[in-house]
PDB file of N, CA and C in Angstrom:
ATOM      1  N   MET A   1      45.313  10.461  10.335  1.00  0.00           N
ATOM      2  CA  MET A   1      45.204   9.051  10.744  1.00  0.00           C
ATOM      3  C   MET A   1      45.094   8.861  12.162  1.00  0.00           C
ATOM      4  N   SER A   2      44.444   7.793  12.624  1.00  0.00           N
ATOM      5  CA  SER A   2      44.431   7.593  14.010  1.00  0.00           C
ATOM      6  C   SER A   2      45.540   6.661  14.450  1.00  0.00           C
ATOM      7  N   ALA A   3      45.854   6.742  15.728  1.00  0.00           N
ATOM      8  CA  ALA A   3      46.903   5.903  16.219  1.00  0.00           C
ATOM      9  C   ALA A   3      46.510   4.479  16.304  1.00  0.00           C
ATOM     10  N   PRO A   4      47.410   3.513  16.018  1.00  0.00           N
ATOM     11  CA  PRO A   4      47.096   2.149  16.107  1.00  0.00           C
ATOM     12  C   PRO A   4      46.707   1.730  17.544  1.00  0.00           C
ATOM     13  N   ALA A   5      45.811   0.803  17.748  1.00  0.00           N
ATOM     14  CA  ALA A   5      45.416   0.415  19.055  1.00  0.00           C
ATOM     15  C   ALA A   5      46.543  -0.401  19.710  1.00  0.00           C
ATOM     16  N   ALA A   6      46.702  -0.190  21.023  1.00  0.00           N
ATOM     17  CA  ALA A   6      47.767  -0.867  21.793  1.00  0.00           C
ATOM     18  C   ALA A   6      47.391  -2.347  21.937  1.00  0.00           C
ATOM     19  N   PRO A   7      48.335  -3.291  21.850  1.00  0.00           N
ATOM     20  CA  PRO A   7      47.975  -4.663  22.046  1.00  0.00           C
ATOM     21  C   PRO A   7      47.254  -4.920  23.354  1.00  0.00           C
ATOM     22  N   GLY A   8      46.186  -5.636  23.262  1.00  0.00           N
ATOM     23  CA  GLY A   8      45.430  -5.995  24.439  1.00  0.00           C
ATOM     24  C   GLY A   8      44.433  -4.926  24.856  1.00  0.00           C
ATOM     25  N   ALA A   9      44.383  -3.841  24.071  1.00  0.00           N
ATOM     26  CA  ALA A   9      43.445  -2.745  24.397  1.00  0.00           C
ATOM     27  C   ALA A   9      41.990  -3.189  24.182  1.00  0.00           C
ATOM     28  N   VAL A  10      41.126  -2.682  25.009  1.00  0.00           N
ATOM     29  CA  VAL A  10      39.641  -3.022  24.890  1.00  0.00           C
ATOM     30  C   VAL A  10      39.061  -2.076  23.831  1.00  0.00           C
ATOM     31  N   PRO A  11      38.312  -2.599  22.838  1.00  0.00           N
ATOM     32  CA  PRO A  11      37.712  -1.709  21.895  1.00  0.00           C
ATOM     33  C   PRO A  11      36.796  -0.648  22.602  1.00  0.00           C
ATOM     34  N   SER A  12      36.625   0.488  22.071  1.00  0.00           N
ATOM     35  CA  SER A  12      35.838   1.540  22.767  1.00  0.00           C
ATOM     36  C   SER A  12      34.347   1.160  22.799  1.00  0.00           C
ATOM     37  N   GLN A  13      33.874   0.302  21.987  1.00  0.00           N
ATOM     38  CA  GLN A  13      32.493  -0.058  21.992  1.00  0.00           C
ATOM     39  C   GLN A  13      32.160  -1.322  22.792  1.00  0.00           C
ATOM     40  N   ALA A  14      33.147  -1.908  23.532  1.00  0.00           N
ATOM     41  CA  ALA A  14      32.989  -3.168  24.148  1.00  0.00           C
ATOM     42  C   ALA A  14      31.926  -3.221  25.160  1.00  0.00           C
ATOM     43  N   ARG A  15      31.681  -2.071  25.891  1.00  0.00           N
ATOM     44  CA  ARG A  15      30.657  -2.145  26.940  1.00  0.00           C
ATOM     45  C   ARG A  15      29.404  -1.384  26.495  1.00  0.00           C
ATOM     46  N   ASN A  16      29.248  -0.993  25.282  1.00  0.00           N
ATOM     47  CA  ASN A  16      28.110  -0.273  24.797  1.00  0.00           C
ATOM     48  C   ASN A  16      26.987  -1.296  24.470  1.00  0.00           C
ATOM     49  N   PRO A  17      25.868  -1.271  25.181  1.00  0.00           N
ATOM     50  CA  PRO A  17      24.868  -2.301  24.800  1.00  0.00           C
ATOM     51  C   PRO A  17      24.141  -2.042  23.513  1.00  0.00           C
ATOM     52  N   LEU A  18      24.275  -0.864  22.967  1.00  0.00           N
ATOM     53  CA  LEU A  18      23.644  -0.512  21.738  1.00  0.00           C
ATOM     54  C   LEU A  18      24.588  -0.830  20.494  1.00  0.00           C
ATOM     55  N   HIS A  19      25.817  -1.197  20.750  1.00  0.00           N
ATOM     56  CA  HIS A  19      26.777  -1.468  19.697  1.00  0.00           C
ATOM     57  C   HIS A  19      26.342  -2.751  18.938  1.00  0.00           C
ATOM     58  N   GLY A  20      26.230  -2.540  17.605  1.00  0.00           N
ATOM     59  CA  GLY A  20      25.824  -3.673  16.751  1.00  0.00           C
ATOM     60  C   GLY A  20      24.328  -3.791  16.559  1.00  0.00           C
ATOM     61  N   LEU A  21      23.477  -3.065  17.260  1.00  0.00           N
ATOM     62  CA  LEU A  21      22.102  -3.128  17.105  1.00  0.00           C
ATOM     63  C   LEU A  21      21.594  -2.119  16.099  1.00  0.00           C
ATOM     64  N   THR A  22      20.663  -2.597  15.247  1.00  0.00           N
ATOM     65  CA  THR A  22      20.058  -1.634  14.306  1.00  0.00           C
ATOM     66  C   THR A  22      18.943  -0.875  15.012  1.00  0.00           C
ATOM     67  N   LEU A  23      18.601   0.268  14.459  1.00  0.00           N
ATOM     68  CA  LEU A  23      17.460   1.002  14.976  1.00  0.00           C
ATOM     69  C   LEU A  23      16.152   0.192  14.829  1.00  0.00           C
ATOM     70  N   GLU A  24      16.018  -0.566  13.793  1.00  0.00           N
ATOM     71  CA  GLU A  24      14.846  -1.441  13.642  1.00  0.00           C
ATOM     72  C   GLU A  24      14.777  -2.482  14.768  1.00  0.00           C
ATOM     73  N   ALA A  25      15.860  -3.115  15.131  1.00  0.00           N
ATOM     74  CA  ALA A  25      15.904  -4.052  16.228  1.00  0.00           C
ATOM     75  C   ALA A  25      15.472  -3.472  17.529  1.00  0.00           C
ATOM     76  N   ILE A  26      15.895  -2.226  17.773  1.00  0.00           N
ATOM     77  CA  ILE A  26      15.613  -1.509  19.002  1.00  0.00           C
ATOM     78  C   ILE A  26      14.097  -1.281  19.078  1.00  0.00           C
ATOM     79  N   VAL A  27      13.521  -0.632  17.962  1.00  0.00           N
ATOM     80  CA  VAL A  27      12.083  -0.341  17.931  1.00  0.00           C
ATOM     81  C   VAL A  27      11.254  -1.622  18.019  1.00  0.00           C
ATOM     82  N   THR A  28      11.683  -2.630  17.378  1.00  0.00           N
ATOM     83  CA  THR A  28      10.952  -3.883  17.357  1.00  0.00           C
ATOM     84  C   THR A  28      10.898  -4.455  18.783  1.00  0.00           C
ATOM     85  N   ALA A  29      12.060  -4.447  19.501  1.00  0.00           N
ATOM     86  CA  ALA A  29      12.123  -4.905  20.864  1.00  0.00           C
ATOM     87  C   ALA A  29      11.141  -4.088  21.817  1.00  0.00           C
ATOM     88  N   LEU A  30      11.223  -2.787  21.642  1.00  0.00           N
ATOM     89  CA  LEU A  30      10.381  -1.904  22.438  1.00  0.00           C
ATOM     90  C   LEU A  30       8.910  -2.217  22.209  1.00  0.00           C
ATOM     91  N   VAL A  31       8.494  -2.398  20.960  1.00  0.00           N
ATOM     92  CA  VAL A  31       7.107  -2.665  20.652  1.00  0.00           C
ATOM     93  C   VAL A  31       6.716  -3.990  21.254  1.00  0.00           C
ATOM     94  N   ALA A  32       7.590  -5.001  21.185  1.00  0.00           N
ATOM     95  CA  ALA A  32       7.345  -6.347  21.739  1.00  0.00           C
ATOM     96  C   ALA A  32       7.107  -6.187  23.223  1.00  0.00           C
ATOM     97  N   TYR A  33       7.892  -5.371  23.912  1.00  0.00           N
ATOM     98  CA  TYR A  33       7.879  -5.269  25.354  1.00  0.00           C
ATOM     99  C   TYR A  33       6.728  -4.413  25.875  1.00  0.00           C
ATOM    100  N   TYR A  34       6.570  -3.196  25.271  1.00  0.00           N
ATOM    101  CA  TYR A  34       5.589  -2.221  25.734  1.00  0.00           C
ATOM    102  C   TYR A  34       4.286  -2.220  24.958  1.00  0.00           C
ATOM    103  N   GLY A  35       4.342  -2.586  23.603  1.00  0.00           N
ATOM    104  CA  GLY A  35       3.253  -2.475  22.741  1.00  0.00           C
ATOM    105  C   GLY A  35       3.250  -1.045  22.183  1.00  0.00           C
ATOM    106  N   TRP A  36       2.506  -0.799  21.146  1.00  0.00           N
ATOM    107  CA  TRP A  36       2.488   0.602  20.562  1.00  0.00           C
ATOM    108  C   TRP A  36       1.906   1.593  21.491  1.00  0.00           C
ATOM    109  N   ALA A  37       0.788   1.170  22.244  1.00  0.00           N
ATOM    110  CA  ALA A  37       0.149   2.089  23.192  1.00  0.00           C
ATOM    111  C   ALA A  37       1.202   2.487  24.306  1.00  0.00           C
ATOM    112  N   GLY A  38       1.758   1.446  24.936  1.00  0.00           N
ATOM    113  CA  GLY A  38       2.731   1.733  25.957  1.00  0.00           C
ATOM    114  C   GLY A  38       3.968   2.549  25.571  1.00  0.00           C
ATOM    115  N   LEU A  39       4.386   2.288  24.290  1.00  0.00           N
ATOM    116  CA  LEU A  39       5.507   3.081  23.765  1.00  0.00           C
ATOM    117  C   LEU A  39       5.169   4.481  23.548  1.00  0.00           C
ATOM    118  N   GLY A  40       3.867   4.694  23.055  1.00  0.00           N
ATOM    119  CA  GLY A  40       3.374   6.043  22.903  1.00  0.00           C
ATOM    120  C   GLY A  40       3.228   6.838  24.176  1.00  0.00           C
ATOM    121  N   GLU A  41       2.846   6.136  25.227  1.00  0.00           N
ATOM    122  CA  GLU A  41       2.733   6.749  26.542  1.00  0.00           C
ATOM    123  C   GLU A  41       4.089   7.157  27.097  1.00  0.00           C
ATOM    124  N   ARG A  42       5.069   6.378  26.888  1.00  0.00           N
ATOM    125  CA  ARG A  42       6.397   6.611  27.410  1.00  0.00           C
ATOM    126  C   ARG A  42       7.155   7.676  26.603  1.00  0.00           C
ATOM    127  N   ILE A  43       6.985   7.713  25.294  1.00  0.00           N
ATOM    128  CA  ILE A  43       7.602   8.691  24.408  1.00  0.00           C
ATOM    129  C   ILE A  43       6.467   9.150  23.466  1.00  0.00           C
ATOM    130  N   ALA A  44       5.992  10.396  23.792  1.00  0.00           N
ATOM    131  CA  ALA A  44       4.923  10.940  23.052  1.00  0.00           C
ATOM    132  C   ALA A  44       5.248  11.436  21.680  1.00  0.00           C
ATOM    133  N   LEU A  45       5.341  10.506  20.719  1.00  0.00           N
ATOM    134  CA  LEU A  45       5.619  10.820  19.324  1.00  0.00           C
ATOM    135  C   LEU A  45       4.446  10.301  18.485  1.00  0.00           C
ATOM    136  N   ARG A  46       4.072  11.077  17.489  1.00  0.00           N
ATOM    137  CA  ARG A  46       2.987  10.651  16.587  1.00  0.00           C
ATOM    138  C   ARG A  46       3.236   9.371  15.855  1.00  0.00           C
ATOM    139  N   CYS A  47       4.507   9.095  15.588  1.00  0.00           N
ATOM    140  CA  CYS A  47       4.795   7.919  14.877  1.00  0.00           C
ATOM    141  C   CYS A  47       4.525   6.625  15.748  1.00  0.00           C
ATOM    142  N   PHE A  48       4.318   6.845  17.052  1.00  0.00           N
ATOM    143  CA  PHE A  48       4.032   5.702  17.958  1.00  0.00           C
ATOM    144  C   PHE A  48       2.507   5.697  18.281  1.00  0.00           C
ATOM    145  N   THR A  49       1.779   6.807  18.083  1.00  0.00           N
ATOM    146  CA  THR A  49       0.445   6.869  18.526  1.00  0.00           C
ATOM    147  C   THR A  49      -0.599   6.996  17.412  1.00  0.00           C
ATOM    148  N   SER A  50      -0.267   7.460  16.322  1.00  0.00           N
ATOM    149  CA  SER A  50      -1.231   7.622  15.202  1.00  0.00           C
ATOM    150  C   SER A  50      -0.812   6.690  14.050  1.00  0.00           C
ATOM    151  N   ASP A  51      -1.596   5.636  13.909  1.00  0.00           N
ATOM    152  CA  ASP A  51      -1.279   4.683  12.844  1.00  0.00           C
ATOM    153  C   ASP A  51       0.099   4.151  12.845  1.00  0.00           C
ATOM    154  N   PRO A  52       0.635   3.659  13.986  1.00  0.00           N
ATOM    155  CA  PRO A  52       2.055   3.274  14.113  1.00  0.00           C
ATOM    156  C   PRO A  52       2.390   2.079  13.247  1.00  0.00           C
ATOM    157  N   SER A  53       3.689   2.146  12.769  1.00  0.00           N
ATOM    158  CA  SER A  53       4.281   1.028  12.092  1.00  0.00           C
ATOM    159  C   SER A  53       5.801   1.124  12.276  1.00  0.00           C
ATOM    160  N   ILE A  54       6.454   0.040  12.105  1.00  0.00           N
ATOM    161  CA  ILE A  54       7.896   0.014  12.223  1.00  0.00           C
ATOM    162  C   ILE A  54       8.534   0.962  11.216  1.00  0.00           C
ATOM    163  N   SER A  55       8.128   0.764   9.922  1.00  0.00           N
ATOM    164  CA  SER A  55       8.738   1.620   8.899  1.00  0.00           C
ATOM    165  C   SER A  55       8.533   3.059   9.041  1.00  0.00           C
ATOM    166  N   SER A  56       7.331   3.540   9.434  1.00  0.00           N
ATOM    167  CA  SER A  56       7.118   4.943   9.588  1.00  0.00           C
ATOM    168  C   SER A  56       7.860   5.501  10.797  1.00  0.00           C
ATOM    169  N   SER A  57       8.010   4.684  11.830  1.00  0.00           N
ATOM    170  CA  SER A  57       8.787   5.109  13.028  1.00  0.00           C
ATOM    171  C   SER A  57      10.292   5.219  12.630  1.00  0.00           C
ATOM    172  N   LEU A  58      10.745   4.273  11.867  1.00  0.00           N
ATOM    173  CA  LEU A  58      12.198   4.342  11.492  1.00  0.00           C
ATOM    174  C   LEU A  58      12.483   5.490  10.594  1.00  0.00           C
ATOM    175  N   LYS A  59      11.529   5.866   9.646  1.00  0.00           N
ATOM    176  CA  LYS A  59      11.773   7.057   8.828  1.00  0.00           C
ATOM    177  C   LYS A  59      11.911   8.298   9.705  1.00  0.00           C
ATOM    178  N   PHE A  60      10.977   8.486  10.699  1.00  0.00           N
ATOM    179  CA  PHE A  60      11.015   9.581  11.506  1.00  0.00           C
ATOM    180  C   PHE A  60      12.235   9.610  12.428  1.00  0.00           C
ATOM    181  N   LEU A  61      12.512   8.526  13.028  1.00  0.00           N
ATOM    182  CA  LEU A  61      13.641   8.481  13.991  1.00  0.00           C
ATOM    183  C   LEU A  61      14.993   8.655  13.265  1.00  0.00           C
ATOM    184  N   ARG A  62      15.190   8.260  12.062  1.00  0.00           N
ATOM    185  CA  ARG A  62      16.404   8.415  11.342  1.00  0.00           C
ATOM    186  C   ARG A  62      16.664   9.889  11.031  1.00  0.00           C
ATOM    187  N   LYS A  63      15.609  10.678  10.918  1.00  0.00           N
ATOM    188  CA  LYS A  63      15.677  12.129  10.567  1.00  0.00           C
ATOM    189  C   LYS A  63      15.708  12.981  11.809  1.00  0.00           C
ATOM    190  N   THR A  64      15.473  12.447  12.993  1.00  0.00           N
ATOM    191  CA  THR A  64      15.232  13.224  14.195  1.00  0.00           C
ATOM    192  C   THR A  64      16.176  12.731  15.362  1.00  0.00           C
ATOM    193  N   PRO A  65      17.336  13.213  15.478  1.00  0.00           N
ATOM    194  CA  PRO A  65      18.276  12.770  16.424  1.00  0.00           C
ATOM    195  C   PRO A  65      17.822  12.810  17.838  1.00  0.00           C
ATOM    196  N   TRP A  66      17.090  13.915  18.325  1.00  0.00           N
ATOM    197  CA  TRP A  66      16.606  13.961  19.629  1.00  0.00           C
ATOM    198  C   TRP A  66      15.586  12.859  19.903  1.00  0.00           C
ATOM    199  N   ALA A  67      14.823  12.498  19.001  1.00  0.00           N
ATOM    200  CA  ALA A  67      13.779  11.486  19.212  1.00  0.00           C
ATOM    201  C   ALA A  67      14.457  10.057  19.221  1.00  0.00           C
ATOM    202  N   ARG A  68      15.451   9.850  18.386  1.00  0.00           N
ATOM    203  CA  ARG A  68      16.246   8.581  18.420  1.00  0.00           C
ATOM    204  C   ARG A  68      16.935   8.467  19.750  1.00  0.00           C
ATOM    205  N   GLU A  69      17.446   9.500  20.350  1.00  0.00           N
ATOM    206  CA  GLU A  69      18.071   9.443  21.646  1.00  0.00           C
ATOM    207  C   GLU A  69      17.130   9.016  22.723  1.00  0.00           C
ATOM    208  N   LYS A  70      15.860   9.499  22.652  1.00  0.00           N
ATOM    209  CA  LYS A  70      14.817   9.051  23.581  1.00  0.00           C
ATOM    210  C   LYS A  70      14.503   7.603  23.502  1.00  0.00           C
ATOM    211  N   VAL A  71      14.451   7.163  22.226  1.00  0.00           N
ATOM    212  CA  VAL A  71      14.152   5.776  21.930  1.00  0.00           C
ATOM    213  C   VAL A  71      15.288   4.859  22.526  1.00  0.00           C
ATOM    214  N   GLU A  72      16.516   5.232  22.233  1.00  0.00           N
ATOM    215  CA  GLU A  72      17.655   4.508  22.734  1.00  0.00           C
ATOM    216  C   GLU A  72      17.771   4.455  24.224  1.00  0.00           C
ATOM    217  N   SER A  73      17.403   5.635  24.915  1.00  0.00           N
ATOM    218  CA  SER A  73      17.404   5.709  26.319  1.00  0.00           C
ATOM    219  C   SER A  73      16.312   4.771  26.887  1.00  0.00           C
ATOM    220  N   LEU A  74      15.117   4.762  26.267  1.00  0.00           N
ATOM    221  CA  LEU A  74      14.039   3.842  26.795  1.00  0.00           C
ATOM    222  C   LEU A  74      14.494   2.397  26.542  1.00  0.00           C
ATOM    223  N   TYR A  75      15.184   2.067  25.509  1.00  0.00           N
ATOM    224  CA  TYR A  75      15.652   0.735  25.198  1.00  0.00           C
ATOM    225  C   TYR A  75      16.591   0.321  26.344  1.00  0.00           C
ATOM    226  N   LEU A  76      17.544   1.189  26.754  1.00  0.00           N
ATOM    227  CA  LEU A  76      18.518   0.899  27.831  1.00  0.00           C
ATOM    228  C   LEU A  76      17.753   0.701  29.143  1.00  0.00           C
ATOM    229  N   PHE A  77      16.728   1.522  29.352  1.00  0.00           N
ATOM    230  CA  PHE A  77      15.891   1.383  30.512  1.00  0.00           C
ATOM    231  C   PHE A  77      15.194   0.000  30.566  1.00  0.00           C
ATOM    232  N   MET A  78      14.698  -0.374  29.392  1.00  0.00           N
ATOM    233  CA  MET A  78      13.918  -1.695  29.326  1.00  0.00           C
ATOM    234  C   MET A  78      14.919  -2.786  29.606  1.00  0.00           C
ATOM    235  N   LEU A  79      16.146  -2.743  29.093  1.00  0.00           N
ATOM    236  CA  LEU A  79      17.144  -3.787  29.459  1.00  0.00           C
ATOM    237  C   LEU A  79      17.453  -3.902  30.936  1.00  0.00           C
ATOM    238  N   ARG A  80      17.570  -2.708  31.585  1.00  0.00           N
ATOM    239  CA  ARG A  80      17.792  -2.697  33.034  1.00  0.00           C
ATOM    240  C   ARG A  80      16.586  -3.309  33.772  1.00  0.00           C
ATOM    241  N   ASP A  81      15.386  -2.881  33.293  1.00  0.00           N
ATOM    242  CA  ASP A  81      14.167  -3.402  33.926  1.00  0.00           C
ATOM    243  C   ASP A  81      14.037  -4.910  33.731  1.00  0.00           C
ATOM    244  N   GLN A  82      14.329  -5.429  32.570  1.00  0.00           N
ATOM    245  CA  GLN A  82      14.263  -6.873  32.342  1.00  0.00           C
ATOM    246  C   GLN A  82      15.281  -7.633  33.236  1.00  0.00           C
ATOM    247  N   ARG A  83      16.506  -7.068  33.372  1.00  0.00           N
ATOM    248  CA  ARG A  83      17.561  -7.690  34.162  1.00  0.00           C
ATOM    249  C   ARG A  83      17.111  -7.670  35.648  1.00  0.00           C
ATOM    250  N   ARG A  84      16.508  -6.543  36.134  1.00  0.00           N
ATOM    251  CA  ARG A  84      16.097  -6.446  37.419  1.00  0.00           C
ATOM    252  C   ARG A  84      14.922  -7.513  37.729  1.00  0.00           C
ATOM    253  N   ASN A  85      14.076  -7.621  36.776  1.00  0.00           N
ATOM    254  CA  ASN A  85      12.904  -8.548  36.955  1.00  0.00           C
ATOM    255  C   ASN A  85      13.356  -9.948  37.044  1.00  0.00           C
ATOM    256  N   ARG A  86      14.392 -10.274  36.233  1.00  0.00           N
ATOM    257  CA  ARG A  86      14.971 -11.653  36.217  1.00  0.00           C
ATOM    258  C   ARG A  86      15.609 -11.963  37.577  1.00  0.00           C
ATOM    259  N   LEU A  87      16.252 -10.996  38.187  1.00  0.00           N
ATOM    260  CA  LEU A  87      16.942 -11.204  39.413  1.00  0.00           C
ATOM    261  C   LEU A  87      15.967 -11.277  40.639  1.00  0.00           C
ATOM    262  N   THR A  88      14.737 -10.701  40.456  1.00  0.00           N
ATOM    263  CA  THR A  88      13.790 -10.679  41.593  1.00  0.00           C
ATOM    264  C   THR A  88      12.632 -11.633  41.436  1.00  0.00           C
ATOM    265  N   GLU A  89      12.696 -12.518  40.450  1.00  0.00           N
ATOM    266  CA  GLU A  89      11.572 -13.410  40.251  1.00  0.00           C
ATOM    267  C   GLU A  89      11.444 -14.370  41.478  1.00  0.00           C
ATOM    268  N   PRO A  90      10.213 -14.665  41.928  1.00  0.00           N
ATOM    269  CA  PRO A  90      10.016 -15.414  43.122  1.00  0.00           C
ATOM    270  C   PRO A  90      10.607 -16.817  43.073  1.00  0.00           C
ATOM    271  N   GLY A  91      10.696 -17.427  41.979  1.00  0.00           N
ATOM    272  CA  GLY A  91      11.237 -18.812  41.796  1.00  0.00           C
ATOM    273  C   GLY A  91      12.690 -18.919  41.955  1.00  0.00           C
ATOM    274  N   ASP A  92      13.383 -17.791  42.039  1.00  0.00           N
ATOM    275  CA  ASP A  92      14.773 -17.817  42.087  1.00  0.00           C
ATOM    276  C   ASP A  92      15.395 -17.873  43.506  1.00  0.00           C
ATOM    277  N   VAL A  93      14.593 -17.959  44.523  1.00  0.00           N
ATOM    278  CA  VAL A  93      15.020 -17.890  45.923  1.00  0.00           C
ATOM    279  C   VAL A  93      15.619 -19.207  46.289  1.00  0.00           C
TER     280      VAL A  93
END
């Protein structure tokens, strides 16, 4: 058994931006941001370049941990890029 959490303790996933997101939501967001061609350029996987679809990509990524890690890393990069772009938009001055 694990030890009970101390009162007021922060859950271990509190600062994890992937917590609560499904793999489908991550892939869908990446496709919306980069498109299939852009996604295939950034991560060279056949499921992104040859007749791509969300369902075929999910099947492959669920079976392939190293590919899923690449997709999750790109998603985190995309979030940082979006945040950076929002902060540097010309209308915000």
